[in-house]
């Protein structure tokens, strides 16, 4: 396993649809205040704002734990235990120079390495085109995380999308609506970042949860989404720009039949940890990559 990424949970083969995922919101799943108080978080935030004034704080869901269990539905059910956190707290804990110490102290104080960390839950998509390619994006130099690296489309589910307001509370966030936001947010990120029409995208299947070890174990739910467009059609939509076109500088296509050996190629070193997690889960949960459809390209389109 690559030291930059670990797998917290792997879903059964094929992935889980929205109907087989539940969410439970509780203050018990929030992070603990830092030893000595949270003043260091405020100081880190102010420093980051001076360097990157376009950053803004917003509420996020915090992943405390996730577990598969039997259910009345065909196949198992996934339970997500979620708290609330913020982007400010994420930069002030997971990305703090003291993050490794916070993990060690969390294990000592609470028996949980993540106890003091914001750990906002991200989402990412292994997005497949109709002619058998996975879609990757070259991140711009202006983004706060992994500038210049290669990523899959993704972002965060938003508590404010479930309950508008500055600071939604746990009791304002019904579990079924939170799950709906989790699944719909990954589609919205694809639409915004790749500029694809929503009707061209399949319903997401959850592949599992990967942890970014370069940001102290921050978790991301990774999905599989099928697009009805070919790689060249996807490229044209991307080049026309979208609401979040500023977040990337280029689009890259990799044949699905070659994704299983991506770790052997140069591009692996350029993938950010969340993309590595999406690839690892795609290979494990989707099984052997499907063959490219007859008549489709046999080489990746030019980057």
C-alpha atoms as a PDB file:
ATOM      1  CA  UNK A   1       0.000   0.000   0.000  1.00  0.00           C
ATOM      2  CA  UNK A   2       1.213   3.525  -0.797  1.00  0.00           C
ATOM      3  CA  UNK A   3       2.171   5.300   2.478  1.00  0.00           C
ATOM      4  CA  UNK A   4       0.206   8.397   1.409  1.00  0.00           C
ATOM      5  CA  UNK A   5      -3.134   6.590   1.523  1.00  0.00           C
ATOM      6  CA  UNK A   6      -4.891   3.933   3.581  1.00  0.00           C
ATOM      7  CA  UNK A   7      -8.256   2.240   3.135  1.00  0.00           C
ATOM      8  CA  UNK A   8     -10.657   2.627   6.043  1.00  0.00           C
ATOM      9  CA  UNK A   9     -13.487   0.634   4.459  1.00  0.00           C
ATOM     10  CA  UNK A  10     -14.043  -1.354   1.272  1.00  0.00           C
ATOM     11  CA  UNK A  11     -17.603  -1.941   0.063  1.00  0.00           C
ATOM     12  CA  UNK A  12     -18.741  -5.263  -1.450  1.00  0.00           C
ATOM     13  CA  UNK A  13     -18.034  -5.916  -5.124  1.00  0.00           C
ATOM     14  CA  UNK A  14     -19.916  -3.515  -7.361  1.00  0.00           C
ATOM     15  CA  UNK A  15     -20.302  -0.852  -4.670  1.00  0.00           C
ATOM     16  CA  UNK A  16     -23.276   0.284  -2.572  1.00  0.00           C
ATOM     17  CA  UNK A  17     -26.202   2.373  -3.843  1.00  0.00           C
ATOM     18  CA  UNK A  18     -27.711   5.202  -1.792  1.00  0.00           C
ATOM     19  CA  UNK A  19     -30.466   2.909  -0.473  1.00  0.00           C
ATOM     20  CA  UNK A  20     -27.905   0.806   1.411  1.00  0.00           C
ATOM     21  CA  UNK A  21     -26.217   3.670   3.266  1.00  0.00           C
ATOM     22  CA  UNK A  22     -27.408   5.249   6.533  1.00  0.00           C
ATOM     23  CA  UNK A  23     -26.062   8.221   8.476  1.00  0.00           C
ATOM     24  CA  UNK A  24     -26.284   9.023  12.169  1.00  0.00           C
ATOM     25  CA  UNK A  25     -25.515  12.595  13.314  1.00  0.00           C
ATOM     26  CA  UNK A  26     -24.486  13.303  16.896  1.00  0.00           C
ATOM     27  CA  UNK A  27     -22.342  15.784  18.879  1.00  0.00           C
ATOM     28  CA  UNK A  28     -20.654  12.667  20.288  1.00  0.00           C
ATOM     29  CA  UNK A  29     -19.003  12.296  16.868  1.00  0.00           C
ATOM     30  CA  UNK A  30     -17.481  15.812  16.846  1.00  0.00           C
ATOM     31  CA  UNK A  31     -13.769  16.265  17.483  1.00  0.00           C
ATOM     32  CA  UNK A  32     -12.582  16.975  21.010  1.00  0.00           C
ATOM     33  CA  UNK A  33     -11.258  20.473  21.829  1.00  0.00           C
ATOM     34  CA  UNK A  34      -7.474  20.608  21.578  1.00  0.00           C
ATOM     35  CA  UNK A  35      -5.420  20.162  24.733  1.00  0.00           C
ATOM     36  CA  UNK A  36      -5.035  23.692  26.076  1.00  0.00           C
ATOM     37  CA  UNK A  37      -7.844  25.070  23.882  1.00  0.00           C
ATOM     38  CA  UNK A  38      -8.382  25.874  20.204  1.00  0.00           C
ATOM     39  CA  UNK A  39      -6.510  29.186  20.021  1.00  0.00           C
ATOM     40  CA  UNK A  40      -3.878  27.675  17.725  1.00  0.00           C
ATOM     41  CA  UNK A  41      -6.572  26.888  15.147  1.00  0.00           C
ATOM     42  CA  UNK A  42      -7.558  30.560  14.954  1.00  0.00           C
ATOM     43  CA  UNK A  43      -3.913  31.592  14.550  1.00  0.00           C
ATOM     44  CA  UNK A  44      -3.325  29.089  11.731  1.00  0.00           C
ATOM     45  CA  UNK A  45      -6.496  30.248   9.961  1.00  0.00           C
ATOM     46  CA  UNK A  46      -5.443  33.903  10.069  1.00  0.00           C
ATOM     47  CA  UNK A  47      -2.020  33.004   8.677  1.00  0.00           C
ATOM     48  CA  UNK A  48      -3.567  31.001   5.832  1.00  0.00           C
ATOM     49  CA  UNK A  49      -5.959  33.840   4.998  1.00  0.00           C
ATOM     50  CA  UNK A  50      -3.076  36.270   4.661  1.00  0.00           C
ATOM     51  CA  UNK A  51      -1.413  33.985   2.120  1.00  0.00           C
ATOM     52  CA  UNK A  52      -4.640  32.827   0.383  1.00  0.00           C
ATOM     53  CA  UNK A  53      -7.339  35.481   0.963  1.00  0.00           C
ATOM     54  CA  UNK A  54      -9.819  33.635  -1.281  1.00  0.00           C
ATOM     55  CA  UNK A  55     -10.226  30.833   1.283  1.00  0.00           C
ATOM     56  CA  UNK A  56     -13.519  30.755   3.178  1.00  0.00           C
ATOM     57  CA  UNK A  57     -14.764  28.825   6.176  1.00  0.00           C
ATOM     58  CA  UNK A  58     -17.861  26.599   5.984  1.00  0.00           C
ATOM     59  CA  UNK A  59     -19.415  23.760   7.991  1.00  0.00           C
ATOM     60  CA  UNK A  60     -18.465  20.195   6.991  1.00  0.00           C
ATOM     61  CA  UNK A  61     -19.469  16.699   8.017  1.00  0.00           C
ATOM     62  CA  UNK A  62     -16.939  14.945  10.239  1.00  0.00           C
ATOM     63  CA  UNK A  63     -16.499  11.205   9.784  1.00  0.00           C
ATOM     64  CA  UNK A  64     -16.143   9.526  13.164  1.00  0.00           C
ATOM     65  CA  UNK A  65     -16.552   5.897  12.039  1.00  0.00           C
ATOM     66  CA  UNK A  66     -18.128   3.655   9.412  1.00  0.00           C
ATOM     67  CA  UNK A  67     -19.239   0.040   9.594  1.00  0.00           C
ATOM     68  CA  UNK A  68     -20.924  -2.542   7.374  1.00  0.00           C
ATOM     69  CA  UNK A  69     -23.747  -4.566   8.899  1.00  0.00           C
ATOM     70  CA  UNK A  70     -26.458  -6.987   7.719  1.00  0.00           C
ATOM     71  CA  UNK A  71     -29.732  -5.394   6.632  1.00  0.00           C
ATOM     72  CA  UNK A  72     -33.201  -6.191   5.337  1.00  0.00           C
ATOM     73  CA  UNK A  73     -32.071  -5.022   1.895  1.00  0.00           C
ATOM     74  CA  UNK A  74     -30.247  -7.338  -0.504  1.00  0.00           C
ATOM     75  CA  UNK A  75     -26.644  -7.135   0.626  1.00  0.00           C
ATOM     76  CA  UNK A  76     -25.146  -5.294   3.644  1.00  0.00           C
ATOM     77  CA  UNK A  77     -25.875  -1.791   4.878  1.00  0.00           C
ATOM     78  CA  UNK A  78     -23.264   0.853   5.661  1.00  0.00           C
ATOM     79  CA  UNK A  79     -23.674   3.046   8.737  1.00  0.00           C
ATOM     80  CA  UNK A  80     -21.796   6.365   8.793  1.00  0.00           C
ATOM     81  CA  UNK A  81     -21.385   8.013  12.205  1.00  0.00           C
ATOM     82  CA  UNK A  82     -20.994  11.736  11.538  1.00  0.00           C
ATOM     83  CA  UNK A  83     -20.329  14.852  13.542  1.00  0.00           C
ATOM     84  CA  UNK A  84     -19.900  18.453  12.418  1.00  0.00           C
ATOM     85  CA  UNK A  85     -16.697  20.381  11.810  1.00  0.00           C
ATOM     86  CA  UNK A  86     -15.457  23.177   9.550  1.00  0.00           C
ATOM     87  CA  UNK A  87     -12.897  23.926   6.875  1.00  0.00           C
ATOM     88  CA  UNK A  88     -11.129  26.302   9.285  1.00  0.00           C
ATOM     89  CA  UNK A  89     -10.723  23.525  11.829  1.00  0.00           C
ATOM     90  CA  UNK A  90      -9.490  21.194   9.086  1.00  0.00           C
ATOM     91  CA  UNK A  91      -6.609  23.517   8.216  1.00  0.00           C
ATOM     92  CA  UNK A  92      -5.921  24.098  11.910  1.00  0.00           C
ATOM     93  CA  UNK A  93      -5.717  20.400  12.856  1.00  0.00           C
ATOM     94  CA  UNK A  94      -5.214  17.960   9.976  1.00  0.00           C
ATOM     95  CA  UNK A  95      -2.841  20.332   8.194  1.00  0.00           C
ATOM     96  CA  UNK A  96      -1.180  21.780  11.299  1.00  0.00           C
ATOM     97  CA  UNK A  97       2.527  21.154  11.907  1.00  0.00           C
ATOM     98  CA  UNK A  98       1.424  19.498  15.147  1.00  0.00           C
ATOM     99  CA  UNK A  99      -0.905  16.997  13.409  1.00  0.00           C
ATOM    100  CA  UNK A 100       1.285  13.966  14.142  1.00  0.00           C
ATOM    101  CA  UNK A 101       1.481  14.959  17.807  1.00  0.00           C
ATOM    102  CA  UNK A 102      -2.305  15.477  17.906  1.00  0.00           C
ATOM    103  CA  UNK A 103      -2.824  11.947  16.599  1.00  0.00           C
ATOM    104  CA  UNK A 104      -0.473  10.531  19.215  1.00  0.00           C
ATOM    105  CA  UNK A 105      -2.146  12.567  21.963  1.00  0.00           C
ATOM    106  CA  UNK A 106      -5.608  11.523  20.811  1.00  0.00           C
ATOM    107  CA  UNK A 107      -4.594   7.889  21.120  1.00  0.00           C
ATOM    108  CA  UNK A 108      -3.251   8.527  24.621  1.00  0.00           C
ATOM    109  CA  UNK A 109      -6.166  10.626  25.890  1.00  0.00           C
ATOM    110  CA  UNK A 110      -9.126   8.998  24.151  1.00  0.00           C
ATOM    111  CA  UNK A 111      -7.923   5.770  22.542  1.00  0.00           C
ATOM    112  CA  UNK A 112      -8.594   7.404  19.164  1.00  0.00           C
ATOM    113  CA  UNK A 113      -5.835   8.864  16.972  1.00  0.00           C
ATOM    114  CA  UNK A 114      -8.369  11.107  15.224  1.00  0.00           C
ATOM    115  CA  UNK A 115     -10.025  12.470  18.384  1.00  0.00           C
ATOM    116  CA  UNK A 116      -8.552  15.977  18.082  1.00  0.00           C
ATOM    117  CA  UNK A 117      -8.704  16.219  14.275  1.00  0.00           C
ATOM    118  CA  UNK A 118     -11.423  17.917  12.211  1.00  0.00           C
ATOM    119  CA  UNK A 119     -11.485  15.099   9.624  1.00  0.00           C
ATOM    120  CA  UNK A 120     -14.071  16.621   7.243  1.00  0.00           C
ATOM    121  CA  UNK A 121     -15.507  13.925   4.983  1.00  0.00           C
ATOM    122  CA  UNK A 122     -14.644  14.428   1.315  1.00  0.00           C
ATOM    123  CA  UNK A 123     -16.083  12.806  -1.794  1.00  0.00           C
ATOM    124  CA  UNK A 124     -14.352  11.674  -4.986  1.00  0.00           C
ATOM    125  CA  UNK A 125     -15.396   9.909  -8.181  1.00  0.00           C
ATOM    126  CA  UNK A 126     -13.869   7.234 -10.350  1.00  0.00           C
ATOM    127  CA  UNK A 127     -15.618   8.661 -13.419  1.00  0.00           C
ATOM    128  CA  UNK A 128     -15.749   6.300 -16.416  1.00  0.00           C
ATOM    129  CA  UNK A 129     -16.490   7.399 -19.974  1.00  0.00           C
ATOM    130  CA  UNK A 130     -18.622   5.439 -22.441  1.00  0.00           C
ATOM    131  CA  UNK A 131     -15.518   4.349 -24.387  1.00  0.00           C
ATOM    132  CA  UNK A 132     -13.639   2.961 -21.399  1.00  0.00           C
ATOM    133  CA  UNK A 133     -11.526   5.686 -19.779  1.00  0.00           C
ATOM    134  CA  UNK A 134     -11.297   7.069 -16.249  1.00  0.00           C
ATOM    135  CA  UNK A 135     -11.213  10.854 -15.936  1.00  0.00           C
ATOM    136  CA  UNK A 136      -8.529  12.722 -13.968  1.00  0.00           C
ATOM    137  CA  UNK A 137      -7.907  16.458 -13.538  1.00  0.00           C
ATOM    138  CA  UNK A 138      -4.662  18.402 -13.092  1.00  0.00           C
ATOM    139  CA  UNK A 139      -5.264  20.658 -10.075  1.00  0.00           C
ATOM    140  CA  UNK A 140      -4.407  24.334 -10.438  1.00  0.00           C
ATOM    141  CA  UNK A 141      -1.804  26.134  -8.367  1.00  0.00           C
ATOM    142  CA  UNK A 142      -4.498  28.215  -6.654  1.00  0.00           C
ATOM    143  CA  UNK A 143      -6.215  25.440  -4.700  1.00  0.00           C
ATOM    144  CA  UNK A 144      -5.480  25.031  -0.997  1.00  0.00           C
ATOM    145  CA  UNK A 145      -4.773  21.288  -1.172  1.00  0.00           C
ATOM    146  CA  UNK A 146      -2.509  19.346  -3.532  1.00  0.00           C
ATOM    147  CA  UNK A 147      -1.807  22.189  -6.008  1.00  0.00           C
ATOM    148  CA  UNK A 148      -0.455  20.949  -9.331  1.00  0.00           C
ATOM    149  CA  UNK A 149      -1.169  17.289  -8.623  1.00  0.00           C
ATOM    150  CA  UNK A 150      -3.569  14.994 -10.473  1.00  0.00           C
ATOM    151  CA  UNK A 151      -6.923  14.204  -8.852  1.00  0.00           C
ATOM    152  CA  UNK A 152     -10.314  12.680  -9.548  1.00  0.00           C
ATOM    153  CA  UNK A 153     -13.351  14.999  -9.566  1.00  0.00           C
ATOM    154  CA  UNK A 154     -14.465  15.599  -5.997  1.00  0.00           C
ATOM    155  CA  UNK A 155     -15.032  17.904  -3.066  1.00  0.00           C
ATOM    156  CA  UNK A 156     -17.204  17.866   0.062  1.00  0.00           C
ATOM    157  CA  UNK A 157     -20.833  17.178   0.929  1.00  0.00           C
ATOM    158  CA  UNK A 158     -22.221  20.329   2.534  1.00  0.00           C
ATOM    159  CA  UNK A 159     -24.337  20.527   5.727  1.00  0.00           C
ATOM    160  CA  UNK A 160     -25.698  23.867   4.447  1.00  0.00           C
ATOM    161  CA  UNK A 161     -27.137  22.067   1.403  1.00  0.00           C
ATOM    162  CA  UNK A 162     -29.244  19.983   3.799  1.00  0.00           C
ATOM    163  CA  UNK A 163     -30.140  22.805   6.189  1.00  0.00           C
ATOM    164  CA  UNK A 164     -29.382  26.358   4.943  1.00  0.00           C
ATOM    165  CA  UNK A 165     -27.885  28.661   7.546  1.00  0.00           C
ATOM    166  CA  UNK A 166     -24.531  29.694   8.931  1.00  0.00           C
ATOM    167  CA  UNK A 167     -24.161  26.855  11.436  1.00  0.00           C
ATOM    168  CA  UNK A 168     -26.559  23.924  11.054  1.00  0.00           C
ATOM    169  CA  UNK A 169     -26.914  21.818  14.192  1.00  0.00           C
ATOM    170  CA  UNK A 170     -26.884  18.034  14.411  1.00  0.00           C
ATOM    171  CA  UNK A 171     -30.612  17.883  15.118  1.00  0.00           C
ATOM    172  CA  UNK A 172     -31.299  19.889  11.938  1.00  0.00           C
ATOM    173  CA  UNK A 173     -29.708  17.216   9.734  1.00  0.00           C
ATOM    174  CA  UNK A 174     -31.873  14.093   9.203  1.00  0.00           C
ATOM    175  CA  UNK A 175     -29.764  11.068   8.329  1.00  0.00           C
ATOM    176  CA  UNK A 176     -31.606  10.243   5.109  1.00  0.00           C
ATOM    177  CA  UNK A 177     -31.102  13.787   3.795  1.00  0.00           C
ATOM    178  CA  UNK A 178     -27.425  13.689   4.734  1.00  0.00           C
ATOM    179  CA  UNK A 179     -26.976  10.455   2.738  1.00  0.00           C
ATOM    180  CA  UNK A 180     -28.787  12.053  -0.190  1.00  0.00           C
ATOM    181  CA  UNK A 181     -26.398  15.006  -0.012  1.00  0.00           C
ATOM    182  CA  UNK A 182     -23.405  12.665   0.154  1.00  0.00           C
ATOM    183  CA  UNK A 183     -24.419  10.941  -3.077  1.00  0.00           C
ATOM    184  CA  UNK A 184     -25.690  14.040  -4.890  1.00  0.00           C
ATOM    185  CA  UNK A 185     -22.628  16.108  -3.952  1.00  0.00           C
ATOM    186  CA  UNK A 186     -20.273  13.841  -5.893  1.00  0.00           C
ATOM    187  CA  UNK A 187     -22.457  14.283  -8.999  1.00  0.00           C
ATOM    188  CA  UNK A 188     -22.499  18.047  -8.478  1.00  0.00           C
ATOM    189  CA  UNK A 189     -18.706  18.122  -8.192  1.00  0.00           C
ATOM    190  CA  UNK A 190     -18.417  16.280 -11.523  1.00  0.00           C
ATOM    191  CA  UNK A 191     -20.832  18.729 -13.154  1.00  0.00           C
ATOM    192  CA  UNK A 192     -18.982  21.752 -11.752  1.00  0.00           C
ATOM    193  CA  UNK A 193     -15.400  20.568 -12.305  1.00  0.00           C
ATOM    194  CA  UNK A 194     -15.711  18.673 -15.598  1.00  0.00           C
ATOM    195  CA  UNK A 195     -18.686  20.677 -16.932  1.00  0.00           C
ATOM    196  CA  UNK A 196     -20.787  17.591 -17.692  1.00  0.00           C
ATOM    197  CA  UNK A 197     -24.610  17.645 -17.923  1.00  0.00           C
ATOM    198  CA  UNK A 198     -26.196  15.832 -14.995  1.00  0.00           C
ATOM    199  CA  UNK A 199     -28.359  13.555 -17.228  1.00  0.00           C
ATOM    200  CA  UNK A 200     -25.149  12.020 -18.690  1.00  0.00           C
ATOM    201  CA  UNK A 201     -24.169  10.623 -15.269  1.00  0.00           C
ATOM    202  CA  UNK A 202     -25.306   7.397 -13.614  1.00  0.00           C
ATOM    203  CA  UNK A 203     -26.353   7.133  -9.990  1.00  0.00           C
ATOM    204  CA  UNK A 204     -23.165   6.839  -7.888  1.00  0.00           C
ATOM    205  CA  UNK A 205     -22.085   3.595  -6.272  1.00  0.00           C
ATOM    206  CA  UNK A 206     -20.030   3.903  -3.092  1.00  0.00           C
ATOM    207  CA  UNK A 207     -16.741   1.998  -3.441  1.00  0.00           C
ATOM    208  CA  UNK A 208     -15.452   2.643   0.070  1.00  0.00           C
ATOM    209  CA  UNK A 209     -13.614   5.166   2.228  1.00  0.00           C
ATOM    210  CA  UNK A 210      -9.958   6.117   1.797  1.00  0.00           C
ATOM    211  CA  UNK A 211      -7.797   8.127   4.208  1.00  0.00           C
ATOM    212  CA  UNK A 212      -5.252  10.742   3.168  1.00  0.00           C
ATOM    213  CA  UNK A 213      -2.226  10.112   5.374  1.00  0.00           C
ATOM    214  CA  UNK A 214      -0.542  13.337   4.230  1.00  0.00           C
ATOM    215  CA  UNK A 215      -3.365  15.234   5.959  1.00  0.00           C
ATOM    216  CA  UNK A 216      -3.365  13.119   9.134  1.00  0.00           C
ATOM    217  CA  UNK A 217      -5.868  10.505   7.994  1.00  0.00           C
ATOM    218  CA  UNK A 218      -8.629  12.731   6.614  1.00  0.00           C
ATOM    219  CA  UNK A 219     -11.283  10.461   5.027  1.00  0.00           C
ATOM    220  CA  UNK A 220     -12.925  10.609   1.610  1.00  0.00           C
ATOM    221  CA  UNK A 221     -15.867   8.572   0.330  1.00  0.00           C
ATOM    222  CA  UNK A 222     -14.951   7.301  -3.137  1.00  0.00           C
ATOM    223  CA  UNK A 223     -17.645   6.528  -5.719  1.00  0.00           C
ATOM    224  CA  UNK A 224     -17.976   4.974  -9.147  1.00  0.00           C
ATOM    225  CA  UNK A 225     -19.939   7.017 -11.695  1.00  0.00           C
ATOM    226  CA  UNK A 226     -20.550   6.028 -15.315  1.00  0.00           C
ATOM    227  CA  UNK A 227     -20.839   8.744 -17.966  1.00  0.00           C
ATOM    228  CA  UNK A 228     -22.766   8.183 -21.198  1.00  0.00           C
ATOM    229  CA  UNK A 229     -20.331  10.414 -23.142  1.00  0.00           C
ATOM    230  CA  UNK A 230     -17.104   9.365 -24.853  1.00  0.00           C
ATOM    231  CA  UNK A 231     -13.731  10.688 -23.735  1.00  0.00           C
ATOM    232  CA  UNK A 232     -13.613  13.180 -26.618  1.00  0.00           C
ATOM    233  CA  UNK A 233     -17.095  14.454 -25.782  1.00  0.00           C
ATOM    234  CA  UNK A 234     -16.070  14.795 -22.136  1.00  0.00           C
ATOM    235  CA  UNK A 235     -12.950  16.695 -23.206  1.00  0.00           C
ATOM    236  CA  UNK A 236     -15.026  19.167 -25.247  1.00  0.00           C
ATOM    237  CA  UNK A 237     -17.342  19.851 -22.326  1.00  0.00           C
ATOM    238  CA  UNK A 238     -14.374  20.344 -20.023  1.00  0.00           C
ATOM    239  CA  UNK A 239     -12.643  22.781 -22.382  1.00  0.00           C
ATOM    240  CA  UNK A 240     -15.824  24.874 -22.539  1.00  0.00           C
ATOM    241  CA  UNK A 241     -15.343  25.608 -18.849  1.00  0.00           C
ATOM    242  CA  UNK A 242     -17.643  25.196 -15.876  1.00  0.00           C
ATOM    243  CA  UNK A 243     -18.460  26.761 -12.501  1.00  0.00           C
ATOM    244  CA  UNK A 244     -15.234  25.382 -10.972  1.00  0.00           C
ATOM    245  CA  UNK A 245     -12.991  25.460 -14.044  1.00  0.00           C
ATOM    246  CA  UNK A 246     -10.460  27.524 -12.061  1.00  0.00           C
ATOM    247  CA  UNK A 247      -9.693  24.509  -9.854  1.00  0.00           C
ATOM    248  CA  UNK A 248      -7.917  22.579 -12.623  1.00  0.00           C
ATOM    249  CA  UNK A 249      -5.680  23.242 -15.609  1.00  0.00           C
ATOM    250  CA  UNK A 250      -6.096  20.084 -17.683  1.00  0.00           C
ATOM    251  CA  UNK A 251      -7.912  16.798 -18.152  1.00  0.00           C
ATOM    252  CA  UNK A 252      -6.294  13.350 -18.375  1.00  0.00           C
ATOM    253  CA  UNK A 253      -7.806  10.046 -19.526  1.00  0.00           C
ATOM    254  CA  UNK A 254      -6.569   6.579 -18.535  1.00  0.00           C
ATOM    255  CA  UNK A 255      -7.992   3.410 -20.061  1.00  0.00           C
ATOM    256  CA  UNK A 256      -9.974   1.435 -17.499  1.00  0.00           C
ATOM    257  CA  UNK A 257      -8.218  -1.741 -18.622  1.00  0.00           C
ATOM    258  CA  UNK A 258      -4.904  -0.159 -17.590  1.00  0.00           C
ATOM    259  CA  UNK A 259      -5.991   1.307 -14.245  1.00  0.00           C
ATOM    260  CA  UNK A 260      -5.089  -1.853 -12.346  1.00  0.00           C
ATOM    261  CA  UNK A 261      -1.393  -1.265 -13.118  1.00  0.00           C
ATOM    262  CA  UNK A 262      -1.406   2.503 -12.663  1.00  0.00           C
ATOM    263  CA  UNK A 263       0.940   2.172  -9.687  1.00  0.00           C
ATOM    264  CA  UNK A 264       3.627   0.993 -12.095  1.00  0.00           C
ATOM    265  CA  UNK A 265       3.478   4.199 -14.157  1.00  0.00           C
ATOM    266  CA  UNK A 266       4.874   7.696 -13.758  1.00  0.00           C
ATOM    267  CA  UNK A 267       1.423   9.204 -13.286  1.00  0.00           C
ATOM    268  CA  UNK A 268       1.061   7.440  -9.903  1.00  0.00           C
ATOM    269  CA  UNK A 269       3.655   9.756  -8.370  1.00  0.00           C
ATOM    270  CA  UNK A 270       1.618  12.721  -9.608  1.00  0.00           C
ATOM    271  CA  UNK A 271      -1.679  11.539  -8.096  1.00  0.00           C
ATOM    272  CA  UNK A 272      -2.797  13.193  -4.892  1.00  0.00           C
ATOM    273  CA  UNK A 273      -3.710  10.761  -2.077  1.00  0.00           C
ATOM    274  CA  UNK A 274      -7.468  11.038  -2.602  1.00  0.00           C
ATOM    275  CA  UNK A 275      -7.044  10.010  -6.250  1.00  0.00           C
ATOM    276  CA  UNK A 276      -4.851   7.096  -5.199  1.00  0.00           C
ATOM    277  CA  UNK A 277      -7.598   5.995  -2.814  1.00  0.00           C
ATOM    278  CA  UNK A 278     -10.212   6.202  -5.576  1.00  0.00           C
ATOM    279  CA  UNK A 279      -8.037   4.104  -7.906  1.00  0.00           C
ATOM    280  CA  UNK A 280      -7.292   1.460  -5.270  1.00  0.00           C
ATOM    281  CA  UNK A 281     -10.973   1.118  -4.374  1.00  0.00           C
ATOM    282  CA  UNK A 282     -12.035   1.105  -8.025  1.00  0.00           C
ATOM    283  CA  UNK A 283      -9.658  -1.772  -8.743  1.00  0.00           C
ATOM    284  CA  UNK A 284     -10.820  -3.757  -5.711  1.00  0.00           C
ATOM    285  CA  UNK A 285     -14.575  -3.121  -5.791  1.00  0.00           C
ATOM    286  CA  UNK A 286     -15.285  -2.849  -9.495  1.00  0.00           C
ATOM    287  CA  UNK A 287     -13.204  -5.978 -10.093  1.00  0.00           C
ATOM    288  CA  UNK A 288     -11.214  -6.524 -13.275  1.00  0.00           C
ATOM    289  CA  UNK A 289     -11.528  -3.490 -15.547  1.00  0.00           C
ATOM    290  CA  UNK A 290     -13.999  -3.970 -18.351  1.00  0.00           C
ATOM    291  CA  UNK A 291     -12.682  -4.321 -21.866  1.00  0.00           C
ATOM    292  CA  UNK A 292     -12.831  -1.273 -24.066  1.00  0.00           C
ATOM    293  CA  UNK A 293     -15.931  -1.307 -26.242  1.00  0.00           C
ATOM    294  CA  UNK A 294     -15.473  -2.343 -29.893  1.00  0.00           C
ATOM    295  CA  UNK A 295     -14.463   0.548 -32.066  1.00  0.00           C
ATOM    296  CA  UNK A 296     -13.273   2.687 -29.151  1.00  0.00           C
ATOM    297  CA  UNK A 297      -9.735   4.100 -28.982  1.00  0.00           C
ATOM    298  CA  UNK A 298      -6.937   1.738 -27.952  1.00  0.00           C
ATOM    299  CA  UNK A 299      -4.597   4.524 -26.821  1.00  0.00           C
ATOM    300  CA  UNK A 300      -5.225   7.285 -24.346  1.00  0.00           C
ATOM    301  CA  UNK A 301      -6.178  10.585 -26.002  1.00  0.00           C
ATOM    302  CA  UNK A 302      -3.414  13.212 -25.935  1.00  0.00           C
ATOM    303  CA  UNK A 303      -3.119  14.908 -22.527  1.00  0.00           C
END
